[in-house]
Amino acid sequence: MSRRAAQLAAEVLAMIEPHVVPGVSTEALDRICHDHIVNVQGAIPANVGYQGYPKTILTSVNQVVCHGIPSPDKILKKGDIVNIDVAVIKDGWFGDTSRMYFVGSPSVLARRLVETTYEAMLAGIRQVRPGATLGDVGHAIQSVAQREHFSVVREYCGHGIGRVYHEDLQVLHCGRRGEGLRLEAGMVFTIEPMLNAGQRDVRQLPDGWTVVTKDRSLSAQWEHMVAVTPEGYDVLTAWPGGTGSYAPI
């Protein structure tokens, strides 16, 4: 079980929170996370070198949907929203999680998007139990997004994880109840919805990694690792000290 690796990944996201302030570069955040993973946790930054990726974390700011590359030129400013995605390897197991941060005070729309995306992730997690389907998970997420008139990104999904970073199981963030793979105790996967304030269409930038909304609207994402237990679910990447102002799982 990748529980220890999952807990370490969550710890990184808690550790970096005080550093996510106006004026900091995403490169500086990456360096802090790298040093913490290597020197404090004694773990391995899973993203470094993965399919050629050059950094420890992914930093997706405002209209960036996912896979933003940290850069000394990207300076966070008041009102930004940013997703930080981190993965670690500990004792051969992978841990993978992400969360949103506010840089100063966000706009009303930005706050509503971030909080709705979190609510959508929780709605998906709460569907997890033996006998449920991945369609149940996707439908719950999609329903929350549509209620608030936000769109669900379709090109990227959650994935199985364990001793392999991305295993074959794919968790779509939309779907129909009762359809798709039926869940069984022992499965471990991520649920990581990406919601856009505008249309769901995205495009990849020439760097081969960064994905942005086509209409330049804001985007938000949250990610937890979840295990299917005989009774229901277990969130492996629960954040140390709880979930702040967000509803508990």
Protein backbone atom coordinates (compact mmCIF):
# COMPACT_ATOMS: atom_id res chain seq x y z
CA MET A 1 0.00 0.00 0.00
CA SER A 2 1.27 3.46 -0.88
CA ARG A 3 -0.10 5.06 2.30
CA ARG A 4 3.26 6.41 3.54
CA ALA A 5 4.15 7.92 0.17
CA ALA A 6 0.68 9.46 -0.03
CA GLN A 7 1.06 11.03 3.41
CA LEU A 8 4.44 12.47 2.47
CA ALA A 9 3.00 14.03 -0.69
CA ALA A 10 0.22 15.63 1.37
CA GLU A 11 2.80 16.92 3.83
CA VAL A 12 4.62 18.72 1.01
CA LEU A 13 1.43 20.61 0.10
CA ALA A 14 0.93 21.64 3.74
CA MET A 15 4.58 22.69 4.07
CA ILE A 16 4.55 24.93 1.00
CA GLU A 17 1.36 26.83 1.86
CA PRO A 18 3.03 29.72 3.79
CA HIS A 19 5.38 30.28 0.84
CA VAL A 20 2.58 30.82 -1.71
CA VAL A 21 2.51 34.62 -1.51
CA PRO A 22 2.62 37.57 -3.90
CA GLY A 23 6.10 38.11 -5.33
CA VAL A 24 7.34 34.53 -5.12
CA SER A 25 8.36 32.71 -8.30
CA THR A 26 7.05 29.27 -9.10
CA GLU A 27 10.71 28.25 -9.50
CA ALA A 28 11.33 29.18 -5.86
CA LEU A 29 8.35 27.08 -4.77
CA ASP A 30 9.72 24.16 -6.77
CA ARG A 31 13.12 24.45 -5.10
CA ILE A 32 11.60 24.52 -1.61
CA CYS A 33 9.52 21.42 -2.34
CA HIS A 34 12.47 19.56 -3.85
CA ASP A 35 14.68 20.24 -0.85
CA HIS A 36 11.94 19.19 1.58
CA ILE A 37 11.25 15.91 -0.23
CA VAL A 38 14.94 14.98 -0.48
CA ASN A 39 16.44 16.38 2.72
CA VAL A 40 13.56 16.22 5.21
CA GLN A 41 11.45 13.30 4.00
CA GLY A 42 14.24 11.18 2.55
CA ALA A 43 12.00 10.50 -0.43
CA ILE A 44 12.38 10.84 -4.20
CA PRO A 45 10.63 13.58 -6.25
CA ALA A 46 8.66 11.40 -8.66
CA ASN A 47 8.13 14.05 -11.33
CA VAL A 48 11.80 14.84 -11.99
CA GLY A 49 12.66 13.18 -15.29
CA TYR A 50 9.24 11.56 -15.66
CA GLN A 51 8.70 11.42 -19.43
CA GLY A 52 11.25 14.22 -19.61
CA TYR A 53 9.57 16.56 -17.12
CA PRO A 54 12.25 18.86 -15.63
CA LYS A 55 10.86 19.88 -12.23
CA THR A 56 9.62 18.56 -8.86
CA ILE A 57 6.15 20.12 -8.82
CA LEU A 58 3.63 21.32 -11.38
CA THR A 59 2.39 24.88 -10.88
CA SER A 60 -0.77 25.78 -12.80
CA VAL A 61 -1.76 29.44 -12.43
CA ASN A 62 -5.14 30.99 -13.36
CA GLN A 63 -5.97 29.86 -16.93
CA VAL A 64 -3.44 26.99 -16.79
CA VAL A 65 -5.45 23.78 -16.47
CA CYS A 66 -2.59 21.45 -15.57
CA HIS A 67 1.11 20.62 -16.04
CA GLY A 68 2.43 24.18 -15.64
CA ILE A 69 6.24 24.15 -15.42
CA PRO A 70 7.81 26.18 -12.59
CA SER A 71 9.87 29.12 -13.88
CA PRO A 72 11.90 31.97 -12.38
CA ASP A 73 9.94 34.27 -14.71
CA LYS A 74 6.52 33.28 -13.37
CA ILE A 75 5.95 35.54 -10.37
CA LEU A 76 2.74 35.10 -8.40
CA LYS A 77 0.65 38.21 -7.87
CA LYS A 78 -2.30 39.17 -5.69
CA GLY A 79 -5.52 37.59 -6.86
CA ASP A 80 -3.90 34.60 -8.58
CA ILE A 81 -5.12 31.08 -8.01
CA VAL A 82 -2.57 28.28 -8.37
CA ASN A 83 -2.65 24.51 -8.31
CA ILE A 84 0.44 22.75 -6.98
CA ASP A 85 0.73 19.10 -7.92
CA VAL A 86 3.36 16.92 -6.26
CA ALA A 87 4.33 13.25 -6.39
CA VAL A 88 6.89 11.39 -4.31
CA ILE A 89 8.37 7.91 -4.18
CA LYS A 90 9.00 6.27 -0.82
CA ASP A 91 10.15 2.66 -0.46
CA GLY A 92 9.12 1.97 -4.07
CA TRP A 93 5.57 3.34 -3.67
CA PHE A 94 4.14 6.47 -5.29
CA GLY A 95 2.14 9.24 -3.64
CA ASP A 96 0.39 11.86 -5.79
CA THR A 97 -1.83 14.80 -4.79
CA SER A 98 -2.61 18.42 -5.64
CA ARG A 99 -4.49 21.35 -4.20
CA MET A 100 -5.42 24.94 -4.94
CA TYR A 101 -3.98 28.02 -3.23
CA PHE A 102 -5.16 31.64 -3.18
CA VAL A 103 -2.47 34.27 -3.61
CA GLY A 104 -3.89 37.10 -1.55
CA SER A 105 -7.62 37.67 -2.02
CA PRO A 106 -9.15 36.04 -5.13
CA SER A 107 -12.04 37.38 -7.17
CA VAL A 108 -15.54 36.19 -6.36
CA LEU A 109 -15.53 34.00 -9.48
CA ALA A 110 -12.12 32.52 -8.68
CA ARG A 111 -13.14 31.62 -5.14
CA ARG A 112 -16.40 30.06 -6.32
CA LEU A 113 -14.56 28.01 -8.96
CA VAL A 114 -11.96 26.74 -6.51
CA GLU A 115 -14.52 25.85 -3.84
CA THR A 116 -16.85 24.20 -6.34
CA THR A 117 -14.01 22.08 -7.73
CA TYR A 118 -13.19 20.93 -4.21
CA GLU A 119 -16.85 20.12 -3.58
CA ALA A 120 -16.96 18.18 -6.86
CA MET A 121 -13.92 16.12 -5.87
CA LEU A 122 -15.55 15.29 -2.52
CA ALA A 123 -18.77 14.32 -4.26
CA GLY A 124 -16.81 11.89 -6.41
CA ILE A 125 -14.90 10.46 -3.45
CA ARG A 126 -18.11 9.84 -1.53
CA GLN A 127 -19.33 7.53 -4.30
CA VAL A 128 -16.39 5.17 -3.79
CA ARG A 129 -17.34 1.79 -2.35
CA PRO A 130 -17.24 -1.84 -3.47
CA GLY A 131 -19.88 -2.40 -6.14
CA ALA A 132 -20.08 1.24 -7.21
CA THR A 133 -18.90 2.15 -10.71
CA LEU A 134 -16.51 4.75 -12.08
CA GLY A 135 -19.56 6.20 -13.83
CA ASP A 136 -21.04 6.91 -10.39
CA VAL A 137 -17.90 8.85 -9.47
CA GLY A 138 -17.85 10.83 -12.71
CA HIS A 139 -21.57 11.60 -12.58
CA ALA A 140 -21.29 13.01 -9.05
CA ILE A 141 -18.43 15.31 -10.08
CA GLN A 142 -20.17 16.44 -13.26
CA SER A 143 -23.40 17.18 -11.40
CA VAL A 144 -21.69 19.60 -9.00
CA ALA A 145 -19.89 21.36 -11.86
CA GLN A 146 -23.03 21.75 -13.95
CA ARG A 147 -25.00 23.07 -10.98
CA GLU A 148 -22.61 26.03 -10.85
CA HIS A 149 -22.41 26.36 -14.66
CA PHE A 150 -18.76 25.31 -14.79
CA SER A 151 -17.36 22.87 -17.36
CA VAL A 152 -15.45 19.64 -16.80
CA VAL A 153 -12.18 19.06 -18.66
CA ARG A 154 -12.43 15.72 -20.49
CA GLU A 155 -8.88 15.22 -21.81
CA TYR A 156 -7.30 14.38 -18.43
CA CYS A 157 -8.45 11.99 -15.74
CA GLY A 158 -7.57 10.24 -12.52
CA HIS A 159 -5.48 7.09 -12.61
CA GLY A 160 -4.51 3.95 -10.79
CA ILE A 161 -1.36 4.31 -8.67
CA GLY A 162 0.85 2.14 -6.48
CA ARG A 163 4.29 0.86 -7.39
CA VAL A 164 3.64 2.41 -10.81
CA TYR A 165 2.98 6.17 -11.11
CA HIS A 166 0.16 5.94 -13.66
CA GLU A 167 -1.56 2.55 -13.87
CA ASP A 168 -4.16 1.59 -16.46
CA LEU A 169 -7.31 2.34 -14.47
CA GLN A 170 -8.74 5.68 -15.66
CA VAL A 171 -11.11 7.78 -13.56
CA LEU A 172 -13.13 10.11 -15.78
CA HIS A 173 -14.66 13.17 -14.11
CA CYS A 174 -17.94 12.87 -15.98
CA GLY A 175 -20.17 9.90 -16.67
CA ARG A 176 -23.43 8.10 -16.11
CA ARG A 177 -24.52 6.25 -13.01
CA GLY A 178 -24.04 2.51 -13.18
CA GLU A 179 -21.66 2.59 -16.13
CA GLY A 180 -17.95 1.84 -16.29
CA LEU A 181 -15.64 -0.34 -14.23
CA ARG A 182 -17.12 -1.71 -11.03
CA LEU A 183 -15.03 -0.91 -7.95
CA GLU A 184 -13.52 -3.58 -5.71
CA ALA A 185 -11.85 -3.41 -2.32
CA GLY A 186 -8.09 -2.92 -2.64
CA MET A 187 -8.16 -0.61 -5.66
CA VAL A 188 -6.15 2.60 -5.30
CA PHE A 189 -6.54 5.55 -7.66
CA THR A 190 -6.62 9.33 -7.87
CA ILE A 191 -9.69 11.52 -8.25
CA GLU A 192 -8.55 14.87 -9.67
CA PRO A 193 -11.26 16.92 -11.41
CA MET A 194 -10.37 20.01 -13.43
CA LEU A 195 -13.17 22.56 -13.81
CA ASN A 196 -13.14 25.62 -16.06
CA ALA A 197 -15.05 28.83 -15.48
CA GLY A 198 -15.70 29.00 -19.23
CA GLN A 199 -15.78 26.33 -21.93
CA ARG A 200 -14.18 22.91 -21.38
CA ASP A 201 -11.87 23.14 -24.41
CA VAL A 202 -8.12 23.16 -23.75
CA ARG A 203 -4.89 23.38 -25.71
CA GLN A 204 -1.29 22.43 -25.02
CA LEU A 205 1.44 25.06 -25.29
CA PRO A 206 4.57 24.53 -27.41
CA ASP A 207 6.60 23.49 -24.32
CA GLY A 208 4.85 20.12 -24.62
CA TRP A 209 3.51 20.22 -21.06
CA THR A 210 1.49 23.30 -20.13
CA VAL A 211 -2.24 22.96 -20.82
CA VAL A 212 -4.44 26.10 -20.85
CA THR A 213 -8.10 26.88 -21.41
CA LYS A 214 -8.75 27.81 -25.03
CA ASP A 215 -10.95 30.73 -24.03
CA ARG A 216 -8.45 31.90 -21.36
CA SER A 217 -10.99 31.37 -18.59
CA LEU A 218 -9.90 30.37 -15.10
CA SER A 219 -9.36 26.71 -14.25
CA ALA A 220 -9.07 24.84 -10.95
CA GLN A 221 -8.11 21.32 -9.87
CA TRP A 222 -7.89 19.26 -6.69
CA GLU A 223 -6.50 15.73 -6.37
CA HIS A 224 -6.64 13.03 -3.72
CA MET A 225 -5.51 9.41 -3.70
CA VAL A 226 -8.32 7.10 -2.64
CA ALA A 227 -8.34 3.43 -1.64
CA VAL A 228 -11.48 1.30 -1.93
CA THR A 229 -12.08 -0.42 1.41
CA PRO A 230 -14.58 -3.16 2.25
CA GLU A 231 -16.73 -0.48 3.92
CA GLY A 232 -16.26 2.36 1.41
CA TYR A 233 -13.23 4.56 0.88
CA ASP A 234 -10.05 5.80 2.57
CA VAL A 235 -8.47 9.10 1.50
CA LEU A 236 -4.74 8.39 1.58
CA THR A 237 -3.60 11.97 0.95
CA ALA A 238 -5.60 13.74 3.66
CA TRP A 239 -3.78 16.96 4.54
CA PRO A 240 -2.01 17.25 7.91
CA GLY A 241 -4.10 19.33 10.29
CA GLY A 242 -7.29 18.93 8.29
CA THR A 243 -8.55 20.76 5.24
CA GLY A 244 -8.56 24.40 6.38
CA SER A 245 -11.70 26.29 5.43
CA TYR A 246 -12.90 23.45 3.24
CA ALA A 247 -15.51 20.92 4.23
CA PRO A 248 -14.09 17.75 5.83
CA ILE A 249 -14.15 14.54 3.85
